Amino acid sequence: MVPSLDRYGRSLKDLITMVADLRTRGRTGGRPTVVDAGLLKAARDLLPDPGRSVTSIAKLLGISVGTLYNHIPDLQQLRAAGAAAVEPATTADR
């Protein structure tokens, strides 16, 4: 059992060394993002509109709803700001 653990430990060290080497050369790994600055700006412009749902905005932009939530942390605040701007006047305002 000990030799197999030793082999596992060496292969793990080799893997960590390889990943560190790749990072120094600018390789980070992972899937490339589909979101760029223009897409984020378009999403931020559309989100305050209470006539559009988050799902419809995501479909329009060709991304998933989860991608919107991941890349726009203040999404809920943007939606709330748009809804507050459209609320009808109360009787106290008249």
C-alpha atoms as a PDB file:
ATOM      1  CA  MET A   1       0.000   0.000   0.000  1.00  0.00           C
ATOM      2  CA  VAL A   2       2.810   2.412   0.811  1.00  0.00           C
ATOM      3  CA  PRO A   3       4.376   2.218  -2.680  1.00  0.00           C
ATOM      4  CA  SER A   4       1.051   3.127  -4.302  1.00  0.00           C
ATOM      5  CA  LEU A   5       0.650   6.154  -2.007  1.00  0.00           C
ATOM      6  CA  ASP A   6       4.199   7.181  -2.811  1.00  0.00           C
ATOM      7  CA  ARG A   7       3.433   6.954  -6.541  1.00  0.00           C
ATOM      8  CA  TYR A   8       0.250   8.989  -6.030  1.00  0.00           C
ATOM      9  CA  GLY A   9       2.159  11.644  -4.095  1.00  0.00           C
ATOM     10  CA  ARG A  10       4.794  11.960  -6.821  1.00  0.00           C
ATOM     11  CA  SER A  11       2.210  12.229  -9.600  1.00  0.00           C
ATOM     12  CA  LEU A  12       0.333  14.896  -7.628  1.00  0.00           C
ATOM     13  CA  LYS A  13       3.549  16.883  -7.145  1.00  0.00           C
ATOM     14  CA  ASP A  14       4.271  16.556 -10.883  1.00  0.00           C
ATOM     15  CA  LEU A  15       0.788  17.818 -11.723  1.00  0.00           C
ATOM     16  CA  ILE A  16       1.095  20.820  -9.393  1.00  0.00           C
ATOM     17  CA  THR A  17       4.486  21.654 -10.887  1.00  0.00           C
ATOM     18  CA  MET A  18       3.112  21.406 -14.425  1.00  0.00           C
ATOM     19  CA  VAL A  19       0.128  23.676 -13.635  1.00  0.00           C
ATOM     20  CA  ALA A  20       2.414  26.247 -12.000  1.00  0.00           C
ATOM     21  CA  ASP A  21       4.683  26.170 -15.051  1.00  0.00           C
ATOM     22  CA  LEU A  22       1.738  26.715 -17.397  1.00  0.00           C
ATOM     23  CA  ARG A  23       0.473  29.632 -15.317  1.00  0.00           C
ATOM     24  CA  THR A  24       3.839  31.370 -15.526  1.00  0.00           C
ATOM     25  CA  ARG A  25       3.500  31.125 -19.309  1.00  0.00           C
ATOM     26  CA  GLY A  26       0.064  32.758 -19.212  1.00  0.00           C
ATOM     27  CA  ARG A  27      -2.097  29.662 -19.522  1.00  0.00           C
ATOM     28  CA  THR A  28      -4.901  29.532 -16.988  1.00  0.00           C
ATOM     29  CA  GLY A  29      -7.112  26.786 -18.385  1.00  0.00           C
ATOM     30  CA  GLY A  30     -10.854  26.590 -18.244  1.00  0.00           C
ATOM     31  CA  ARG A  31     -13.518  27.440 -20.751  1.00  0.00           C
ATOM     32  CA  PRO A  32     -13.270  30.834 -22.470  1.00  0.00           C
ATOM     33  CA  THR A  33     -16.035  33.284 -21.628  1.00  0.00           C
ATOM     34  CA  VAL A  34     -18.659  34.362 -24.158  1.00  0.00           C
ATOM     35  CA  VAL A  35     -19.244  37.659 -22.382  1.00  0.00           C
ATOM     36  CA  ASP A  36     -17.425  40.774 -23.522  1.00  0.00           C
ATOM     37  CA  ALA A  37     -17.742  44.456 -22.580  1.00  0.00           C
ATOM     38  CA  GLY A  38     -20.285  45.179 -25.320  1.00  0.00           C
ATOM     39  CA  LEU A  39     -22.561  42.346 -24.253  1.00  0.00           C
ATOM     40  CA  LEU A  40     -22.389  43.455 -20.620  1.00  0.00           C
ATOM     41  CA  LYS A  41     -23.262  47.023 -21.590  1.00  0.00           C
ATOM     42  CA  ALA A  42     -26.237  45.841 -23.633  1.00  0.00           C
ATOM     43  CA  ALA A  43     -27.454  43.695 -20.737  1.00  0.00           C
ATOM     44  CA  ARG A  44     -27.077  46.567 -18.255  1.00  0.00           C
ATOM     45  CA  ASP A  45     -29.029  48.854 -20.596  1.00  0.00           C
ATOM     46  CA  LEU A  46     -31.877  46.338 -20.949  1.00  0.00           C
ATOM     47  CA  LEU A  47     -32.159  45.171 -17.332  1.00  0.00           C
ATOM     48  CA  PRO A  48     -33.898  48.249 -15.843  1.00  0.00           C
ATOM     49  CA  ASP A  49     -36.750  47.895 -18.394  1.00  0.00           C
ATOM     50  CA  PRO A  50     -39.625  46.294 -16.434  1.00  0.00           C
ATOM     51  CA  GLY A  51     -41.236  45.172 -19.696  1.00  0.00           C
ATOM     52  CA  ARG A  52     -38.443  42.662 -20.299  1.00  0.00           C
ATOM     53  CA  SER A  53     -37.795  39.598 -18.199  1.00  0.00           C
ATOM     54  CA  VAL A  54     -34.305  38.410 -17.356  1.00  0.00           C
ATOM     55  CA  THR A  55     -35.011  35.305 -19.445  1.00  0.00           C
ATOM     56  CA  SER A  56     -36.005  37.346 -22.506  1.00  0.00           C
ATOM     57  CA  ILE A  57     -32.911  39.543 -22.160  1.00  0.00           C
ATOM     58  CA  ALA A  58     -30.694  36.455 -21.949  1.00  0.00           C
ATOM     59  CA  LYS A  59     -32.333  34.941 -25.044  1.00  0.00           C
ATOM     60  CA  LEU A  60     -31.989  38.208 -26.932  1.00  0.00           C
ATOM     61  CA  LEU A  61     -28.274  38.355 -26.134  1.00  0.00           C
ATOM     62  CA  GLY A  62     -27.724  34.647 -26.841  1.00  0.00           C
ATOM     63  CA  ILE A  63     -26.547  33.713 -23.352  1.00  0.00           C
ATOM     64  CA  SER A  64     -28.039  31.841 -20.415  1.00  0.00           C
ATOM     65  CA  VAL A  65     -29.775  33.419 -17.446  1.00  0.00           C
ATOM     66  CA  GLY A  66     -27.055  31.984 -15.220  1.00  0.00           C
ATOM     67  CA  THR A  67     -24.414  33.793 -17.257  1.00  0.00           C
ATOM     68  CA  LEU A  68     -26.229  37.092 -16.641  1.00  0.00           C
ATOM     69  CA  TYR A  69     -26.355  36.453 -12.906  1.00  0.00           C
ATOM     70  CA  ASN A  70     -22.679  35.401 -12.844  1.00  0.00           C
ATOM     71  CA  HIS A  71     -21.378  38.444 -14.719  1.00  0.00           C
ATOM     72  CA  ILE A  72     -23.692  41.135 -13.331  1.00  0.00           C
ATOM     73  CA  PRO A  73     -23.579  40.906  -9.536  1.00  0.00           C
ATOM     74  CA  ASP A  74     -25.940  43.882  -9.083  1.00  0.00           C
ATOM     75  CA  LEU A  75     -28.588  42.457 -11.416  1.00  0.00           C
ATOM     76  CA  GLN A  76     -31.308  42.497  -8.752  1.00  0.00           C
ATOM     77  CA  GLN A  77     -30.598  46.161  -7.948  1.00  0.00           C
ATOM     78  CA  LEU A  78     -30.783  47.104 -11.625  1.00  0.00           C
ATOM     79  CA  ARG A  79     -34.155  45.373 -11.924  1.00  0.00           C
ATOM     80  CA  ALA A  80     -35.433  47.068  -8.759  1.00  0.00           C
ATOM     81  CA  ALA A  81     -34.287  50.493  -9.965  1.00  0.00           C
ATOM     82  CA  GLY A  82     -36.196  50.045 -13.203  1.00  0.00           C
ATOM     83  CA  ALA A  83     -39.339  48.911 -11.402  1.00  0.00           C
ATOM     84  CA  ALA A  84     -39.149  51.814  -8.938  1.00  0.00           C
ATOM     85  CA  ALA A  85     -38.887  54.330 -11.780  1.00  0.00           C
ATOM     86  CA  VAL A  86     -42.121  53.048 -13.326  1.00  0.00           C
ATOM     87  CA  GLU A  87     -44.296  52.736 -10.205  1.00  0.00           C
ATOM     88  CA  PRO A  88     -47.521  54.729 -10.542  1.00  0.00           C
ATOM     89  CA  ALA A  89     -47.938  57.911  -8.543  1.00  0.00           C
ATOM     90  CA  THR A  90     -49.553  57.452  -5.147  1.00  0.00           C
ATOM     91  CA  THR A  91     -52.394  59.614  -3.880  1.00  0.00           C
ATOM     92  CA  ALA A  92     -49.916  61.589  -1.740  1.00  0.00           C
ATOM     93  CA  ASP A  93     -48.097  62.670  -4.923  1.00  0.00           C
ATOM     94  CA  ARG A  94     -51.190  64.185  -6.494  1.00  0.00           C
END
